[in-house]
Amino acid sequence: RAKEIKTKLGTLLQKPDSTIDFIIPYPEKPEKLPKAQKPSPEEALQWRDSLEKLLQNPYGLASFRSFLRSEFSEENVEFWVACDDYKKTKSPLKMAEKAKKIYEEFIQTEAPQEVNIDHFTKAVTMKNLVEPSPTSFDMAQKRIFALMEKDSLPRFVRSEFYQELIK
């Protein structure tokens, strides 16, 4: 019995392909944000009232992503960005590939970055994926946007990083 436990512990302590980093994450340094794109305090102030403006600004999006990553809750913004990219896809073949990837990464039960959507929204999204179209993820994307607007944005606005931007 003791030998069995020792073997299991030895296996866990090995570091295969950095998978241990997922179990014991190292504190991440904030993303390096491009200096040239830093918004004016006035522009950054607008983000307080508009998640849409925040997400449309490359510096704002990178800042928001970095903030959510520090809270271990970046799946919502990653899903939103993936859906936004998906909508711009023209080729039906590429669209089907991206739809499958988004579903597997964010929607399916036990997905690596599963987003928190209700059963009805998940069912509608799955039904939409039978024939992928630019609007396949609209309902889920709107739900996640509302969740970020109500929950993540207020926390971001209270963060030290944001407070420095508006000075």
Protein backbone atom coordinates (compact mmCIF):
# COMPACT_ATOMS: atom_id res chain seq x y z
CA ARG A 1 0.00 0.00 0.00
CA ALA A 2 2.77 2.47 0.93
CA LYS A 3 4.68 1.59 -2.25
CA GLU A 4 1.53 2.25 -4.31
CA ILE A 5 1.10 5.70 -2.71
CA LYS A 6 4.79 6.50 -3.27
CA THR A 7 4.46 5.55 -6.95
CA LYS A 8 1.38 7.76 -7.39
CA LEU A 9 3.09 10.69 -5.65
CA GLY A 10 6.18 10.25 -7.84
CA THR A 11 3.98 10.36 -10.93
CA LEU A 12 2.25 13.54 -9.74
CA LEU A 13 5.53 15.27 -8.92
CA GLN A 14 6.96 14.74 -12.40
CA LYS A 15 6.45 17.67 -14.73
CA PRO A 16 5.28 16.24 -18.08
CA ASP A 17 4.88 18.94 -20.76
CA SER A 18 4.08 21.62 -18.19
CA THR A 19 0.68 20.11 -17.37
CA ILE A 20 1.51 20.66 -13.70
CA ASP A 21 1.18 24.37 -14.45
CA PHE A 22 -2.55 23.80 -14.85
CA ILE A 23 -2.71 22.16 -11.43
CA ILE A 24 -0.44 24.64 -9.64
CA PRO A 25 -0.53 27.86 -11.64
CA TYR A 26 2.34 30.29 -11.29
CA PRO A 27 1.36 33.90 -10.72
CA GLU A 28 1.18 35.47 -14.15
CA LYS A 29 2.63 38.82 -14.99
CA PRO A 30 0.05 41.11 -16.58
CA GLU A 31 0.05 41.04 -20.37
CA LYS A 32 2.48 43.48 -21.91
CA LEU A 33 0.20 46.13 -23.33
CA PRO A 34 1.38 48.13 -26.32
CA LYS A 35 2.39 51.63 -25.20
CA ALA A 36 1.33 53.33 -28.46
CA GLN A 37 -2.28 52.25 -28.08
CA LYS A 38 -2.72 53.41 -24.49
CA PRO A 39 -6.01 55.31 -24.33
CA SER A 40 -6.45 58.76 -22.93
CA PRO A 41 -7.99 58.89 -19.43
CA GLU A 42 -11.15 60.30 -21.06
CA GLU A 43 -11.38 57.36 -23.45
CA ALA A 44 -10.75 54.85 -20.66
CA LEU A 45 -13.45 56.57 -18.56
CA GLN A 46 -16.01 55.65 -21.25
CA TRP A 47 -15.33 51.95 -20.61
CA ARG A 48 -16.96 52.29 -17.20
CA ASP A 49 -20.34 52.67 -18.87
CA SER A 50 -19.79 50.67 -22.06
CA LEU A 51 -18.46 47.14 -22.18
CA GLU A 52 -18.88 47.37 -25.96
CA LYS A 53 -16.42 50.30 -26.18
CA LEU A 54 -14.00 48.45 -23.90
CA LEU A 55 -14.09 45.30 -26.07
CA GLN A 56 -13.72 47.30 -29.31
CA ASN A 57 -10.55 48.99 -28.11
CA PRO A 58 -7.46 46.72 -28.53
CA TYR A 59 -5.82 48.12 -25.39
CA GLY A 60 -9.09 47.84 -23.46
CA LEU A 61 -9.64 44.25 -24.58
CA ALA A 62 -6.07 43.28 -23.64
CA SER A 63 -6.45 44.99 -20.25
CA PHE A 64 -9.79 43.33 -19.56
CA ARG A 65 -8.42 39.92 -20.61
CA SER A 66 -5.41 40.34 -18.36
CA PHE A 67 -7.61 41.35 -15.45
CA LEU A 68 -9.95 38.37 -15.92
CA ARG A 69 -6.97 36.03 -16.25
CA SER A 70 -5.70 37.28 -12.88
CA GLU A 71 -9.10 36.27 -11.45
CA PHE A 72 -9.08 32.91 -13.28
CA SER A 73 -12.26 33.87 -15.12
CA GLU A 74 -11.19 34.69 -18.66
CA GLU A 75 -13.43 32.09 -20.34
CA ASN A 76 -16.25 34.60 -20.87
CA VAL A 77 -14.16 37.16 -22.75
CA GLU A 78 -12.39 34.38 -24.69
CA PHE A 79 -15.78 32.99 -25.74
CA TRP A 80 -17.02 36.46 -26.73
CA VAL A 81 -13.89 37.08 -28.84
CA ALA A 82 -14.15 33.62 -30.47
CA CYS A 83 -17.80 34.31 -31.38
CA ASP A 84 -16.93 37.73 -32.76
CA ASP A 85 -14.22 36.16 -34.93
CA TYR A 86 -16.62 33.38 -35.97
CA LYS A 87 -19.16 35.92 -37.28
CA LYS A 88 -16.55 37.35 -39.66
CA THR A 89 -15.92 33.94 -41.27
CA LYS A 90 -17.10 33.73 -44.87
CA SER A 91 -16.28 30.16 -45.92
CA PRO A 92 -18.97 27.62 -44.89
CA LEU A 93 -16.25 25.00 -44.35
CA LYS A 94 -14.20 27.29 -42.08
CA MET A 95 -17.40 28.32 -40.30
CA ALA A 96 -18.26 24.69 -39.54
CA GLU A 97 -14.70 24.07 -38.26
CA LYS A 98 -14.78 27.15 -36.02
CA ALA A 99 -18.29 26.31 -34.76
CA LYS A 100 -17.14 22.84 -33.72
CA LYS A 101 -14.05 24.28 -32.00
CA ILE A 102 -16.09 26.91 -30.12
CA TYR A 103 -18.62 24.29 -29.06
CA GLU A 104 -15.92 21.92 -27.78
CA GLU A 105 -13.93 24.65 -26.05
CA PHE A 106 -16.75 26.65 -24.41
CA ILE A 107 -20.24 25.12 -24.68
CA GLN A 108 -20.20 21.35 -24.19
CA THR A 109 -20.49 20.01 -20.65
CA GLU A 110 -17.03 19.73 -19.04
CA ALA A 111 -15.48 21.87 -21.82
CA PRO A 112 -11.98 23.18 -20.98
CA GLN A 113 -13.28 26.77 -20.72
CA GLU A 114 -16.98 26.07 -20.22
CA VAL A 115 -19.03 29.26 -20.04
CA ASN A 116 -21.95 29.59 -17.67
CA ILE A 117 -25.07 29.60 -19.83
CA ASP A 118 -28.50 28.28 -18.97
CA HIS A 119 -29.83 24.98 -20.31
CA PHE A 120 -32.24 26.69 -22.76
CA THR A 121 -29.48 28.82 -24.32
CA LYS A 122 -27.23 25.78 -24.60
CA ALA A 123 -30.02 23.79 -26.31
CA VAL A 124 -30.76 26.61 -28.79
CA THR A 125 -27.05 26.98 -29.57
CA MET A 126 -26.67 23.23 -30.16
CA LYS A 127 -29.72 23.29 -32.46
CA ASN A 128 -28.20 26.25 -34.39
CA LEU A 129 -25.01 24.27 -34.95
CA VAL A 130 -26.79 21.65 -37.08
CA GLU A 131 -26.43 24.17 -39.91
CA PRO A 132 -23.80 26.71 -38.82
CA SER A 133 -24.49 30.32 -39.76
CA PRO A 134 -23.03 33.67 -38.63
CA THR A 135 -25.82 33.88 -36.01
CA SER A 136 -25.35 30.38 -34.53
CA PHE A 137 -23.83 31.67 -31.27
CA ASP A 138 -25.76 34.96 -31.00
CA MET A 139 -27.98 34.00 -28.08
CA ALA A 140 -25.10 32.54 -26.05
CA GLN A 141 -22.83 35.48 -26.91
CA LYS A 142 -25.51 37.95 -25.76
CA ARG A 143 -25.95 36.06 -22.47
CA ILE A 144 -22.20 36.08 -21.83
CA PHE A 145 -21.97 39.78 -22.76
CA ALA A 146 -24.73 40.56 -20.23
CA LEU A 147 -22.95 38.48 -17.59
CA MET A 148 -19.64 40.31 -18.17
CA GLU A 149 -21.43 43.66 -18.17
CA LYS A 150 -23.19 42.94 -14.89
CA ASP A 151 -20.40 41.06 -13.10
CA SER A 152 -16.90 41.38 -14.59
CA LEU A 153 -16.97 45.00 -15.78
CA PRO A 154 -17.77 46.48 -12.32
CA ARG A 155 -14.87 44.48 -10.81
CA PHE A 156 -12.53 45.61 -13.61
CA VAL A 157 -13.55 49.26 -13.08
CA ARG A 158 -12.67 48.92 -9.37
CA SER A 159 -9.27 47.34 -10.18
CA GLU A 160 -6.00 49.17 -9.57
CA PHE A 161 -5.02 48.83 -13.22
CA TYR A 162 -8.15 50.61 -14.44
CA GLN A 163 -7.85 53.26 -11.74
CA GLU A 164 -4.32 54.03 -13.02
CA LEU A 165 -5.60 54.37 -16.60
CA ILE A 166 -8.13 57.06 -15.73
CA LYS A 167 -5.69 59.24 -13.78
